[in-house]
């Protein structure tokens, strides 16, 4: 499925210096697959993206849930 908003935001993430974003979809919820060195790095990168790209802090609140993937399977 084509998601122009998701693709534009994925490109903007790279311009912010966040590497490893494999896919990104935007809807009522944002789902992102991110490759990161460790959980602390992933959390920091996702907080940056949420604050700067994903949410309008004037009218939106956001929360973050990290799920670990081993290979291609969610744990």
Foldseek 3Di string as FASTA:
>chain_A
DDAVLFVVLVVVLVVVVQPAFPGWHDDVDIDTDGDDPDPVRVVVSVVVSVVPPVDDVVPDDDDDDDWDDDPNRTD
